Amino acid sequence: MHNIKIKSEAKMLRSKGETVRNIAKKLNTSFSTISFWCRDIKLSDSVINKMNFLKKERSIKGLLKYSERKRTQRIKNTFDQKQSGAKMVGKLSSRDVLMVGLGLYWGEGYKESNDEMGFTNSSPQMVRFYIKWLKLNNVFKNDLIFRLSINEIFKNIEKEIKKFWIKYLDIKENQFSKTTFINTNLKKANIKNLNTYKGILRVKVRRGLSLKNKTLGAIDYIANH
């Protein structure tokens, strides 16, 4: 009698579109038994459509969960790898700073045959490091002249951008020469995030020819060895 009630309930659940596996779990009965009991049940079109919808919904949920797990793992991997990189570097010595600074100037510094020692970049962190590197060579912030270059579209927030650099680098407004405005398409200028745009900053050393020649000599030595 007990089995007849279970069988009847199983058929009722199946006719409503419940999966055989779920019915087996709910009724604490084997999958094969439920499958046998429900083998002759024909599902209505509405039930079939409902089952297909739920199947797609479960598939989407499963995909979203999988994507979220992958995203979380990717974030964790990135964090762990960056931590590993930081440990690999450890505490920076004066020579480390010297070599990194030479590399920065090699890539972004003025190397033409004029008397200016200039460095241009859009990365605040890179500019700040370069200024610290200059300090190793007895060049201090008061010895520097800055020129800001920004896209024409940001002309109305020139003051705000300049204030950012002044605060970030702990420098004075009177160290800036006239801002240069560039009329360049944003895509061509590779401006991806308008909220973090800070333009491009040039850092020029007053009477910097001697240090420039010394720096270029060091770079030539590295390049040839």
Foldseek 3Di string as FASTA:
>chain_A
DVVVVLLVVLQVCVLQQDDLVVSCVVSVHDSVVSCVSNVPDDHDPVSVVVNVVVVVVVVVVVVVVVVVVVVVVVVVVVVVVVVVVDVVCDDDDLVNLLVVLLVQCVVFWDDDPDQWTKGKDFDLVSVLSNQVNVVVVVFHQVQKAKEFEEEPVCPVCLVVLLVVSCVSNVHDPVSYDYYHYDHDDCVVVVPDDPVPGNGMMMIIGHSCNVVSVVSVVVVVVVVVD
